[in-house]
Amino acid sequence: MSSSTKGLIYCTLSQIASSMTRSNGMKVARTFIYDWLVLMLLVVIESSLHFIHPFYCFVGKGMMTNLMYPLKSDTVPFWAVLMYALLLPMVIFVVVYLRKRDIYDLHHAVLGLWYSTTFTAVITDAIKLAVGQPRPDFFWRCFPDGKDMYDQWGNVICHGKRNVIDEGHKSFPSGHTSWSFAGLGFLSLYLAGKIKAFDHKGHVAKLCIVFFPLLVASLVGVSRLDDHRHHRQDVIVGGLLGITLAVLCYLQVFPPPYHAQGWRPYAENVPTRQAVETQNESRLDERSSANGCISPTASRSPLDMESGGR
């Protein structure tokens, strides 16, 4: 790596750090510290749910007709869900931040996304454990050799692997689908606000950007049916659960996308914050010039700086 490249990376990182500092990033984090603490508690609850045994509902021989689908591998593994439903939106949030330099937007977007996905995960897994509905491929999970056995009451006597059987009792609702709609649904609303999709100017093409994340989430739900992991009602309820929580969490931190100020997050004391940012930007310009770096505010007009750079 050449010295000029290293210098460019150093200047870029310095500018990002300085931008976050002048945008009162630490102050924002302290203001919403309780929200982050509750979020961490939800993460702990979600992690603990994976150690709870699911309810084994009654599965009789007459019920096996719809539970004998072949046992297949996942078309969309769960690690991929984390990538496109959580990591991808966060990358987009960072890209928007690097352009707008609005720490409030970045903070609220990340916080809302994490709440949307975590709330969805907790509710989804809690219902899975409580209902214990068998998956469409339950027969082969319970009887891997194809020889079914039942007790005196007609309930199954499984002789498959314990963890495989446990997973076979977690059909309702679909976790892949609920996670997908929670993360990508939040991203869809975020993009709708940023591009002002509902500004009453008649640009229908903007809807393609808004609907694309929802299309991906829908296809993930379809893949769960193709893999015989879920019944139709599992996918439908999972999708409704995810998109509902995405809307609720988004509206908690951002105005509706059709609102006149739908592109910006809720923030208090905006005039005071803008005055502080403008003053800090002037100081940053002086420090950047002294270090030989180009300030990210150098190309911004006075009008941009007066409006908070958004």
C-alpha atoms as a PDB file:
ATOM      1  CA  MET A   1       0.000   0.000   0.000  1.00  0.00           C
ATOM      2  CA  SER A   2       1.472   3.348  -1.071  1.00  0.00           C
ATOM      3  CA  SER A   3       1.984   6.247   1.310  1.00  0.00           C
ATOM      4  CA  SER A   4      -0.595   8.340  -0.575  1.00  0.00           C
ATOM      5  CA  THR A   5      -3.221   5.610  -0.151  1.00  0.00           C
ATOM      6  CA  LYS A   6      -2.443   5.316   3.543  1.00  0.00           C
ATOM      7  CA  GLY A   7      -2.727   9.079   3.872  1.00  0.00           C
ATOM      8  CA  LEU A   8      -6.104   9.065   2.126  1.00  0.00           C
ATOM      9  CA  ILE A   9      -7.429   6.325   4.425  1.00  0.00           C
ATOM     10  CA  TYR A  10      -6.117   8.173   7.470  1.00  0.00           C
ATOM     11  CA  CYS A  11      -7.761  11.417   6.389  1.00  0.00           C
ATOM     12  CA  THR A  12     -11.053   9.635   5.662  1.00  0.00           C
ATOM     13  CA  LEU A  13     -11.135   7.903   9.048  1.00  0.00           C
ATOM     14  CA  SER A  14     -10.175  11.147  10.770  1.00  0.00           C
ATOM     15  CA  GLN A  15     -12.960  12.987   9.010  1.00  0.00           C
ATOM     16  CA  ILE A  16     -15.543  10.335   9.962  1.00  0.00           C
ATOM     17  CA  ALA A  17     -14.433  10.385  13.596  1.00  0.00           C
ATOM     18  CA  SER A  18     -14.459  14.176  13.667  1.00  0.00           C
ATOM     19  CA  SER A  19     -17.856  14.250  11.988  1.00  0.00           C
ATOM     20  CA  MET A  20     -19.321  11.955  14.621  1.00  0.00           C
ATOM     21  CA  THR A  21     -17.737  14.055  17.379  1.00  0.00           C
ATOM     22  CA  ARG A  22     -19.087  17.362  16.084  1.00  0.00           C
ATOM     23  CA  SER A  23     -22.503  15.738  15.591  1.00  0.00           C
ATOM     24  CA  ASN A  24     -22.676  15.046  19.337  1.00  0.00           C
ATOM     25  CA  GLY A  25     -22.518  11.285  18.801  1.00  0.00           C
ATOM     26  CA  MET A  26     -21.705  10.562  22.450  1.00  0.00           C
ATOM     27  CA  LYS A  27     -24.489  12.870  23.579  1.00  0.00           C
ATOM     28  CA  VAL A  28     -26.977  11.021  21.385  1.00  0.00           C
ATOM     29  CA  ALA A  29     -25.824   7.668  22.785  1.00  0.00           C
ATOM     30  CA  ARG A  30     -26.207   8.912  26.356  1.00  0.00           C
ATOM     31  CA  THR A  31     -29.657  10.320  25.609  1.00  0.00           C
ATOM     32  CA  PHE A  32     -30.891   6.927  24.410  1.00  0.00           C
ATOM     33  CA  ILE A  33     -28.876   4.779  26.819  1.00  0.00           C
ATOM     34  CA  TYR A  34     -31.997   3.201  28.319  1.00  0.00           C
ATOM     35  CA  ASP A  35     -33.219   2.185  24.877  1.00  0.00           C
ATOM     36  CA  TRP A  36     -29.934   0.382  24.266  1.00  0.00           C
ATOM     37  CA  LEU A  37     -30.051  -1.285  27.685  1.00  0.00           C
ATOM     38  CA  VAL A  38     -33.556  -2.609  27.005  1.00  0.00           C
ATOM     39  CA  LEU A  39     -32.385  -3.782  23.588  1.00  0.00           C
ATOM     40  CA  MET A  40     -29.531  -5.729  25.188  1.00  0.00           C
ATOM     41  CA  LEU A  41     -32.034  -7.295  27.568  1.00  0.00           C
ATOM     42  CA  LEU A  42     -34.132  -8.406  24.583  1.00  0.00           C
ATOM     43  CA  VAL A  43     -31.032  -9.926  22.997  1.00  0.00           C
ATOM     44  CA  VAL A  44     -30.369 -11.902  26.197  1.00  0.00           C
ATOM     45  CA  ILE A  45     -33.994 -13.088  26.271  1.00  0.00           C
ATOM     46  CA  GLU A  46     -33.804 -14.138  22.619  1.00  0.00           C
ATOM     47  CA  SER A  47     -30.564 -16.047  23.250  1.00  0.00           C
ATOM     48  CA  SER A  48     -32.063 -17.849  26.259  1.00  0.00           C
ATOM     49  CA  LEU A  49     -35.090 -18.992  24.231  1.00  0.00           C
ATOM     50  CA  HIS A  50     -32.826 -21.280  22.207  1.00  0.00           C
ATOM     51  CA  PHE A  51     -32.161 -23.356  25.342  1.00  0.00           C
ATOM     52  CA  ILE A  52     -35.845 -23.985  26.081  1.00  0.00           C
ATOM     53  CA  HIS A  53     -37.442 -27.269  25.038  1.00  0.00           C
ATOM     54  CA  PRO A  54     -40.384 -26.789  22.649  1.00  0.00           C
ATOM     55  CA  PHE A  55     -43.831 -28.085  23.487  1.00  0.00           C
ATOM     56  CA  TYR A  56     -44.431 -31.518  21.976  1.00  0.00           C
ATOM     57  CA  CYS A  57     -47.984 -31.339  20.690  1.00  0.00           C
ATOM     58  CA  PHE A  58     -49.971 -34.475  19.935  1.00  0.00           C
ATOM     59  CA  VAL A  59     -49.107 -35.990  16.550  1.00  0.00           C
ATOM     60  CA  GLY A  60     -51.246 -38.969  15.630  1.00  0.00           C
ATOM     61  CA  LYS A  61     -50.978 -41.348  12.712  1.00  0.00           C
ATOM     62  CA  GLY A  62     -53.888 -39.707  10.941  1.00  0.00           C
ATOM     63  CA  MET A  63     -52.015 -36.397  10.973  1.00  0.00           C
ATOM     64  CA  MET A  64     -49.001 -37.779   9.133  1.00  0.00           C
ATOM     65  CA  THR A  65     -50.553 -37.262   5.705  1.00  0.00           C
ATOM     66  CA  ASN A  66     -49.408 -33.621   5.644  1.00  0.00           C
ATOM     67  CA  LEU A  67     -46.161 -34.248   7.548  1.00  0.00           C
ATOM     68  CA  MET A  68     -44.400 -36.697   5.225  1.00  0.00           C
ATOM     69  CA  TYR A  69     -42.607 -34.232   2.942  1.00  0.00           C
ATOM     70  CA  PRO A  70     -38.927 -35.039   2.304  1.00  0.00           C
ATOM     71  CA  LEU A  71     -36.277 -33.624   4.614  1.00  0.00           C
ATOM     72  CA  LYS A  72     -34.250 -31.094   2.589  1.00  0.00           C
ATOM     73  CA  SER A  73     -31.518 -28.558   3.283  1.00  0.00           C
ATOM     74  CA  ASP A  74     -32.305 -24.855   3.557  1.00  0.00           C
ATOM     75  CA  THR A  75     -32.219 -22.849   0.345  1.00  0.00           C
ATOM     76  CA  VAL A  76     -31.622 -19.738   2.470  1.00  0.00           C
ATOM     77  CA  PRO A  77     -29.514 -20.607   5.558  1.00  0.00           C
ATOM     78  CA  PHE A  78     -30.109 -18.595   8.695  1.00  0.00           C
ATOM     79  CA  TRP A  79     -26.699 -16.894   8.525  1.00  0.00           C
ATOM     80  CA  ALA A  80     -27.794 -15.426   5.189  1.00  0.00           C
ATOM     81  CA  VAL A  81     -30.883 -13.977   6.880  1.00  0.00           C
ATOM     82  CA  LEU A  82     -28.626 -12.095   9.292  1.00  0.00           C
ATOM     83  CA  MET A  83     -26.611 -10.765   6.358  1.00  0.00           C
ATOM     84  CA  TYR A  84     -29.456  -9.318   4.277  1.00  0.00           C
ATOM     85  CA  ALA A  85     -31.945  -8.469   7.057  1.00  0.00           C
ATOM     86  CA  LEU A  86     -29.500  -6.884   9.508  1.00  0.00           C
ATOM     87  CA  LEU A  87     -26.058  -6.256   8.045  1.00  0.00           C
ATOM     88  CA  LEU A  88     -27.158  -4.973   4.623  1.00  0.00           C
ATOM     89  CA  PRO A  89     -29.510  -2.289   6.019  1.00  0.00           C
ATOM     90  CA  MET A  90     -26.786  -1.141   8.428  1.00  0.00           C
ATOM     91  CA  VAL A  91     -24.339  -0.776   5.538  1.00  0.00           C
ATOM     92  CA  ILE A  92     -26.888   1.375   3.710  1.00  0.00           C
ATOM     93  CA  PHE A  93     -27.391   3.465   6.854  1.00  0.00           C
ATOM     94  CA  VAL A  94     -23.631   4.083   7.044  1.00  0.00           C
ATOM     95  CA  VAL A  95     -23.487   5.053   3.359  1.00  0.00           C
ATOM     96  CA  VAL A  96     -26.276   7.584   3.925  1.00  0.00           C
ATOM     97  CA  TYR A  97     -24.429   8.885   6.985  1.00  0.00           C
ATOM     98  CA  LEU A  98     -21.200   9.370   5.041  1.00  0.00           C
ATOM     99  CA  ARG A  99     -23.142  11.546   2.623  1.00  0.00           C
ATOM    100  CA  LYS A 100     -25.466  13.415   4.983  1.00  0.00           C
ATOM    101  CA  ARG A 101     -23.235  13.506   8.096  1.00  0.00           C
ATOM    102  CA  ASP A 102     -26.305  13.243  10.341  1.00  0.00           C
ATOM    103  CA  ILE A 103     -25.535  11.189  13.448  1.00  0.00           C
ATOM    104  CA  TYR A 104     -29.192  11.360  14.524  1.00  0.00           C
ATOM    105  CA  ASP A 105     -30.252   9.649  11.315  1.00  0.00           C
ATOM    106  CA  LEU A 106     -27.627   6.921  11.683  1.00  0.00           C
ATOM    107  CA  HIS A 107     -28.388   6.338  15.358  1.00  0.00           C
ATOM    108  CA  HIS A 108     -32.162   6.207  14.963  1.00  0.00           C
ATOM    109  CA  ALA A 109     -31.945   3.957  11.907  1.00  0.00           C
ATOM    110  CA  VAL A 110     -29.662   1.420  13.624  1.00  0.00           C
ATOM    111  CA  LEU A 111     -31.673   1.508  16.855  1.00  0.00           C
ATOM    112  CA  GLY A 112     -34.993   1.081  15.048  1.00  0.00           C
ATOM    113  CA  LEU A 113     -33.665  -1.770  12.903  1.00  0.00           C
ATOM    114  CA  TRP A 114     -32.287  -3.672  15.892  1.00  0.00           C
ATOM    115  CA  TYR A 115     -35.538  -3.250  17.795  1.00  0.00           C
ATOM    116  CA  SER A 116     -37.546  -4.381  14.785  1.00  0.00           C
ATOM    117  CA  THR A 117     -35.547  -7.581  14.268  1.00  0.00           C
ATOM    118  CA  THR A 118     -35.025  -8.361  17.965  1.00  0.00           C
ATOM    119  CA  PHE A 119     -38.669  -7.833  18.920  1.00  0.00           C
ATOM    120  CA  THR A 120     -39.648 -10.039  15.994  1.00  0.00           C
ATOM    121  CA  ALA A 121     -37.173 -12.748  16.972  1.00  0.00           C
ATOM    122  CA  VAL A 122     -38.349 -12.835  20.599  1.00  0.00           C
ATOM    123  CA  ILE A 123     -42.049 -13.010  19.695  1.00  0.00           C
ATOM    124  CA  THR A 124     -41.477 -15.545  16.903  1.00  0.00           C
ATOM    125  CA  ASP A 125     -39.379 -17.940  18.990  1.00  0.00           C
ATOM    126  CA  ALA A 126     -41.660 -17.629  22.016  1.00  0.00           C
ATOM    127  CA  ILE A 127     -44.675 -18.618  19.891  1.00  0.00           C
ATOM    128  CA  LYS A 128     -42.699 -21.450  18.290  1.00  0.00           C
ATOM    129  CA  LEU A 129     -41.867 -22.925  21.701  1.00  0.00           C
ATOM    130  CA  ALA A 130     -45.394 -22.508  23.042  1.00  0.00           C
ATOM    131  CA  VAL A 131     -47.245 -23.950  20.025  1.00  0.00           C
ATOM    132  CA  GLY A 132     -44.853 -26.765  19.099  1.00  0.00           C
ATOM    133  CA  GLN A 133     -46.468 -27.306  15.707  1.00  0.00           C
ATOM    134  CA  PRO A 134     -44.748 -30.022  13.609  1.00  0.00           C
ATOM    135  CA  ARG A 135     -43.090 -29.088  10.338  1.00  0.00           C
ATOM    136  CA  PRO A 136     -44.182 -30.610   7.004  1.00  0.00           C
ATOM    137  CA  ASP A 137     -41.080 -32.862   7.094  1.00  0.00           C
ATOM    138  CA  PHE A 138     -41.761 -34.038  10.664  1.00  0.00           C
ATOM    139  CA  PHE A 139     -42.244 -37.705   9.727  1.00  0.00           C
ATOM    140  CA  TRP A 140     -38.656 -38.115   8.562  1.00  0.00           C
ATOM    141  CA  ARG A 141     -37.342 -36.165  11.538  1.00  0.00           C
ATOM    142  CA  CYS A 142     -39.241 -38.439  13.899  1.00  0.00           C
ATOM    143  CA  PHE A 143     -38.702 -41.682  12.000  1.00  0.00           C
ATOM    144  CA  PRO A 144     -35.485 -41.380   9.968  1.00  0.00           C
ATOM    145  CA  ASP A 145     -35.681 -45.071   9.019  1.00  0.00           C
ATOM    146  CA  GLY A 146     -39.272 -44.727   7.818  1.00  0.00           C
ATOM    147  CA  LYS A 147     -40.676 -47.065  10.505  1.00  0.00           C
ATOM    148  CA  ASP A 148     -43.343 -45.189  12.454  1.00  0.00           C
ATOM    149  CA  MET A 149     -44.263 -46.074  16.044  1.00  0.00           C
ATOM    150  CA  TYR A 150     -47.115 -44.870  18.285  1.00  0.00           C
ATOM    151  CA  ASP A 151     -48.038 -45.234  21.930  1.00  0.00           C
ATOM    152  CA  GLN A 152     -51.342 -46.468  23.375  1.00  0.00           C
ATOM    153  CA  TRP A 153     -52.945 -43.040  22.867  1.00  0.00           C
ATOM    154  CA  GLY A 154     -51.876 -42.898  19.240  1.00  0.00           C
ATOM    155  CA  ASN A 155     -49.106 -40.294  19.765  1.00  0.00           C
ATOM    156  CA  VAL A 156     -45.793 -40.678  17.973  1.00  0.00           C
ATOM    157  CA  ILE A 157     -42.806 -42.384  19.594  1.00  0.00           C
ATOM    158  CA  CYS A 158     -39.889 -40.740  17.823  1.00  0.00           C
ATOM    159  CA  HIS A 159     -36.501 -42.422  17.538  1.00  0.00           C
ATOM    160  CA  GLY A 160     -34.642 -39.728  15.601  1.00  0.00           C
ATOM    161  CA  LYS A 161     -32.025 -37.308  16.888  1.00  0.00           C
ATOM    162  CA  ARG A 162     -33.248 -35.106  19.735  1.00  0.00           C
ATOM    163  CA  ASN A 163     -32.172 -31.774  18.225  1.00  0.00           C
ATOM    164  CA  VAL A 164     -33.694 -32.694  14.852  1.00  0.00           C
ATOM    165  CA  ILE A 165     -36.986 -33.609  16.515  1.00  0.00           C
ATOM    166  CA  ASP A 166     -36.968 -30.384  18.543  1.00  0.00           C
ATOM    167  CA  GLU A 167     -36.541 -28.361  15.366  1.00  0.00           C
ATOM    168  CA  GLY A 168     -39.388 -30.366  13.865  1.00  0.00           C
ATOM    169  CA  HIS A 169     -41.716 -28.871  16.485  1.00  0.00           C
ATOM    170  CA  LYS A 170     -40.952 -25.259  15.537  1.00  0.00           C
ATOM    171  CA  SER A 171     -43.035 -24.737  12.433  1.00  0.00           C
ATOM    172  CA  PHE A 172     -45.364 -21.889  13.496  1.00  0.00           C
ATOM    173  CA  PRO A 173     -44.608 -19.107  12.673  1.00  0.00           C
ATOM    174  CA  SER A 174     -41.795 -18.955  10.117  1.00  0.00           C
ATOM    175  CA  GLY A 175     -38.694 -17.351  11.637  1.00  0.00           C
ATOM    176  CA  HIS A 176     -36.947 -16.824   8.304  1.00  0.00           C
ATOM    177  CA  THR A 177     -39.996 -14.971   6.988  1.00  0.00           C
ATOM    178  CA  SER A 178     -40.602 -12.849  10.077  1.00  0.00           C
ATOM    179  CA  TRP A 179     -36.927 -11.849  10.296  1.00  0.00           C
ATOM    180  CA  SER A 180     -36.858 -11.027   6.584  1.00  0.00           C
ATOM    181  CA  PHE A 181     -39.888  -8.753   6.733  1.00  0.00           C
ATOM    182  CA  ALA A 182     -38.714  -7.158   9.989  1.00  0.00           C
ATOM    183  CA  GLY A 183     -35.312  -6.172   8.579  1.00  0.00           C
ATOM    184  CA  LEU A 184     -36.111  -5.588   4.918  1.00  0.00           C
ATOM    185  CA  GLY A 185     -39.482  -4.042   5.768  1.00  0.00           C
ATOM    186  CA  PHE A 186     -37.711  -1.478   7.953  1.00  0.00           C
ATOM    187  CA  LEU A 187     -35.208  -0.869   5.142  1.00  0.00           C
ATOM    188  CA  SER A 188     -38.051  -0.363   2.664  1.00  0.00           C
ATOM    189  CA  LEU A 189     -39.632   2.313   4.870  1.00  0.00           C
ATOM    190  CA  TYR A 190     -36.241   3.955   5.415  1.00  0.00           C
ATOM    191  CA  LEU A 191     -35.565   4.154   1.677  1.00  0.00           C
ATOM    192  CA  ALA A 192     -39.089   5.454   1.025  1.00  0.00           C
ATOM    193  CA  GLY A 193     -38.425   8.324   3.405  1.00  0.00           C
ATOM    194  CA  LYS A 194     -34.979   9.104   2.052  1.00  0.00           C
ATOM    195  CA  ILE A 195     -35.964   9.214  -1.626  1.00  0.00           C
ATOM    196  CA  LYS A 196     -39.284  10.963  -0.793  1.00  0.00           C
ATOM    197  CA  ALA A 197     -41.247   8.290  -2.600  1.00  0.00           C
ATOM    198  CA  PHE A 198     -44.600   9.831  -1.634  1.00  0.00           C
ATOM    199  CA  ASP A 199     -43.881  13.490  -2.348  1.00  0.00           C
ATOM    200  CA  HIS A 200     -46.931  13.808  -4.656  1.00  0.00           C
ATOM    201  CA  LYS A 201     -44.763  14.492  -7.701  1.00  0.00           C
ATOM    202  CA  GLY A 202     -45.831  11.388  -9.596  1.00  0.00           C
ATOM    203  CA  HIS A 203     -42.485   9.551  -9.834  1.00  0.00           C
ATOM    204  CA  VAL A 204     -43.785   5.983  -9.887  1.00  0.00           C
ATOM    205  CA  ALA A 205     -40.288   4.578 -10.526  1.00  0.00           C
ATOM    206  CA  LYS A 206     -39.401   5.317  -6.897  1.00  0.00           C
ATOM    207  CA  LEU A 207     -41.754   2.548  -5.854  1.00  0.00           C
ATOM    208  CA  CYS A 208     -39.396  -0.001  -7.424  1.00  0.00           C
ATOM    209  CA  ILE A 209     -36.782   0.901  -4.828  1.00  0.00           C
ATOM    210  CA  VAL A 210     -39.363   0.716  -2.051  1.00  0.00           C
ATOM    211  CA  PHE A 211     -40.855  -2.633  -3.092  1.00  0.00           C
ATOM    212  CA  PHE A 212     -37.619  -4.462  -3.930  1.00  0.00           C
ATOM    213  CA  PRO A 213     -36.697  -5.317  -0.291  1.00  0.00           C
ATOM    214  CA  LEU A 214     -40.256  -6.556   0.249  1.00  0.00           C
ATOM    215  CA  LEU A 215     -39.971  -8.725  -2.863  1.00  0.00           C
ATOM    216  CA  VAL A 216     -36.800 -10.318  -1.496  1.00  0.00           C
ATOM    217  CA  ALA A 217     -38.511 -10.993   1.835  1.00  0.00           C
ATOM    218  CA  SER A 218     -41.468 -12.572   0.019  1.00  0.00           C
ATOM    219  CA  LEU A 219     -39.206 -14.860  -1.993  1.00  0.00           C
ATOM    220  CA  VAL A 220     -37.529 -16.012   1.212  1.00  0.00           C
ATOM    221  CA  GLY A 221     -40.960 -16.973   2.517  1.00  0.00           C
ATOM    222  CA  VAL A 222     -41.654 -18.900  -0.690  1.00  0.00           C
ATOM    223  CA  SER A 223     -38.332 -20.742  -0.283  1.00  0.00           C
ATOM    224  CA  ARG A 224     -39.483 -21.979   3.138  1.00  0.00           C
ATOM    225  CA  LEU A 225     -42.465 -23.609   1.440  1.00  0.00           C
ATOM    226  CA  ASP A 226     -40.281 -25.113  -1.274  1.00  0.00           C
ATOM    227  CA  ASP A 227     -37.931 -26.553   1.363  1.00  0.00           C
ATOM    228  CA  HIS A 228     -40.913 -28.113   3.205  1.00  0.00           C
ATOM    229  CA  ARG A 229     -39.918 -26.288   6.386  1.00  0.00           C
ATOM    230  CA  HIS A 230     -43.265 -24.555   6.915  1.00  0.00           C
ATOM    231  CA  HIS A 231     -46.940 -24.666   6.119  1.00  0.00           C
ATOM    232  CA  ARG A 232     -48.579 -21.787   4.260  1.00  0.00           C
ATOM    233  CA  GLN A 233     -50.106 -20.294   7.400  1.00  0.00           C
ATOM    234  CA  ASP A 234     -46.681 -20.298   9.074  1.00  0.00           C
ATOM    235  CA  VAL A 235     -45.209 -18.141   6.325  1.00  0.00           C
ATOM    236  CA  ILE A 236     -48.208 -15.801   6.137  1.00  0.00           C
ATOM    237  CA  VAL A 237     -48.274 -15.169   9.885  1.00  0.00           C
ATOM    238  CA  GLY A 238     -44.487 -14.783   9.990  1.00  0.00           C
ATOM    239  CA  GLY A 239     -44.603 -12.169   7.245  1.00  0.00           C
ATOM    240  CA  LEU A 240     -47.423 -10.230   8.898  1.00  0.00           C
ATOM    241  CA  LEU A 241     -45.623 -10.330  12.240  1.00  0.00           C
ATOM    242  CA  GLY A 242     -42.350  -9.058  10.763  1.00  0.00           C
ATOM    243  CA  ILE A 243     -43.819  -6.229   8.690  1.00  0.00           C
ATOM    244  CA  THR A 244     -46.067  -5.097  11.566  1.00  0.00           C
ATOM    245  CA  LEU A 245     -43.150  -4.745  13.966  1.00  0.00           C
ATOM    246  CA  ALA A 246     -41.058  -3.085  11.254  1.00  0.00           C
ATOM    247  CA  VAL A 247     -43.738  -0.412  10.770  1.00  0.00           C
ATOM    248  CA  LEU A 248     -44.194   0.126  14.523  1.00  0.00           C
ATOM    249  CA  CYS A 249     -40.457   0.419  15.209  1.00  0.00           C
ATOM    250  CA  TYR A 250     -39.890   2.669  12.202  1.00  0.00           C
ATOM    251  CA  LEU A 251     -42.674   5.065  13.186  1.00  0.00           C
ATOM    252  CA  GLN A 252     -41.185   5.246  16.668  1.00  0.00           C
ATOM    253  CA  VAL A 253     -37.978   6.845  15.347  1.00  0.00           C
ATOM    254  CA  PHE A 254     -38.969   8.345  11.964  1.00  0.00           C
ATOM    255  CA  PRO A 255     -42.045  10.172  10.654  1.00  0.00           C
ATOM    256  CA  PRO A 256     -44.195   8.298   8.107  1.00  0.00           C
ATOM    257  CA  PRO A 257     -42.580   8.232   4.618  1.00  0.00           C
ATOM    258  CA  TYR A 258     -45.457  10.293   3.206  1.00  0.00           C
ATOM    259  CA  HIS A 259     -44.851  13.049   5.758  1.00  0.00           C
ATOM    260  CA  ALA A 260     -43.338  16.344   4.551  1.00  0.00           C
ATOM    261  CA  GLN A 261     -40.355  15.716   6.865  1.00  0.00           C
ATOM    262  CA  GLY A 262     -40.361  11.957   6.349  1.00  0.00           C
ATOM    263  CA  TRP A 263     -36.726  11.915   5.262  1.00  0.00           C
ATOM    264  CA  ARG A 264     -35.401  13.013   8.673  1.00  0.00           C
ATOM    265  CA  PRO A 265     -35.535  11.339  12.111  1.00  0.00           C
ATOM    266  CA  TYR A 266     -37.284  12.669  15.158  1.00  0.00           C
ATOM    267  CA  ALA A 267     -34.822  14.969  16.977  1.00  0.00           C
ATOM    268  CA  GLU A 268     -35.170  17.496  19.783  1.00  0.00           C
ATOM    269  CA  ASN A 269     -33.708  20.991  19.895  1.00  0.00           C
ATOM    270  CA  VAL A 270     -32.949  21.007  16.171  1.00  0.00           C
ATOM    271  CA  PRO A 271     -32.057  24.740  15.918  1.00  0.00           C
ATOM    272  CA  THR A 272     -29.614  24.455  18.824  1.00  0.00           C
ATOM    273  CA  ARG A 273     -28.056  21.330  17.369  1.00  0.00           C
ATOM    274  CA  GLN A 274     -27.614  22.959  13.978  1.00  0.00           C
ATOM    275  CA  ALA A 275     -25.883  25.976  15.503  1.00  0.00           C
ATOM    276  CA  VAL A 276     -23.469  23.743  17.405  1.00  0.00           C
ATOM    277  CA  GLU A 277     -22.762  21.632  14.309  1.00  0.00           C
ATOM    278  CA  THR A 278     -22.068  24.725  12.180  1.00  0.00           C
ATOM    279  CA  GLN A 279     -19.612  26.062  14.766  1.00  0.00           C
ATOM    280  CA  ASN A 280     -17.861  22.711  15.077  1.00  0.00           C
ATOM    281  CA  GLU A 281     -17.667  22.350  11.288  1.00  0.00           C
ATOM    282  CA  SER A 282     -15.730  25.619  11.059  1.00  0.00           C
ATOM    283  CA  ARG A 283     -13.252  24.334  13.617  1.00  0.00           C
ATOM    284  CA  LEU A 284     -12.974  21.044  11.727  1.00  0.00           C
ATOM    285  CA  ASP A 285     -12.149  22.888   8.504  1.00  0.00           C
ATOM    286  CA  GLU A 286      -9.251  24.637  10.234  1.00  0.00           C
ATOM    287  CA  ARG A 287      -7.875  21.385  11.688  1.00  0.00           C
ATOM    288  CA  SER A 288      -8.283  19.509   8.393  1.00  0.00           C
ATOM    289  CA  SER A 289      -6.467  22.235   6.453  1.00  0.00           C
ATOM    290  CA  ALA A 290      -3.621  22.147   8.952  1.00  0.00           C
ATOM    291  CA  ASN A 291      -3.290  18.353   8.515  1.00  0.00           C
ATOM    292  CA  GLY A 292      -3.436  18.509   4.719  1.00  0.00           C
ATOM    293  CA  CYS A 293      -6.808  16.732   4.531  1.00  0.00           C
ATOM    294  CA  ILE A 294      -9.838  17.861   2.600  1.00  0.00           C
ATOM    295  CA  SER A 295     -12.721  18.570   4.962  1.00  0.00           C
ATOM    296  CA  PRO A 296     -16.042  16.835   4.156  1.00  0.00           C
ATOM    297  CA  THR A 297     -17.728  20.223   4.585  1.00  0.00           C
ATOM    298  CA  ALA A 298     -15.463  22.058   2.159  1.00  0.00           C
ATOM    299  CA  SER A 299     -17.805  21.476  -0.765  1.00  0.00           C
ATOM    300  CA  ARG A 300     -20.970  22.238   1.154  1.00  0.00           C
ATOM    301  CA  SER A 301     -22.824  25.470   0.641  1.00  0.00           C
ATOM    302  CA  PRO A 302     -23.817  27.837   3.471  1.00  0.00           C
ATOM    303  CA  LEU A 303     -27.423  26.815   2.852  1.00  0.00           C
ATOM    304  CA  ASP A 304     -26.529  23.136   3.492  1.00  0.00           C
ATOM    305  CA  MET A 305     -24.735  24.035   6.716  1.00  0.00           C
ATOM    306  CA  GLU A 306     -27.672  26.111   7.910  1.00  0.00           C
ATOM    307  CA  SER A 307     -30.052  23.183   7.352  1.00  0.00           C
ATOM    308  CA  GLY A 308     -27.890  20.759   9.276  1.00  0.00           C
ATOM    309  CA  GLY A 309     -26.248  19.265   6.192  1.00  0.00           C
ATOM    310  CA  ARG A 310     -29.195  17.186   5.192  1.00  0.00           C
END
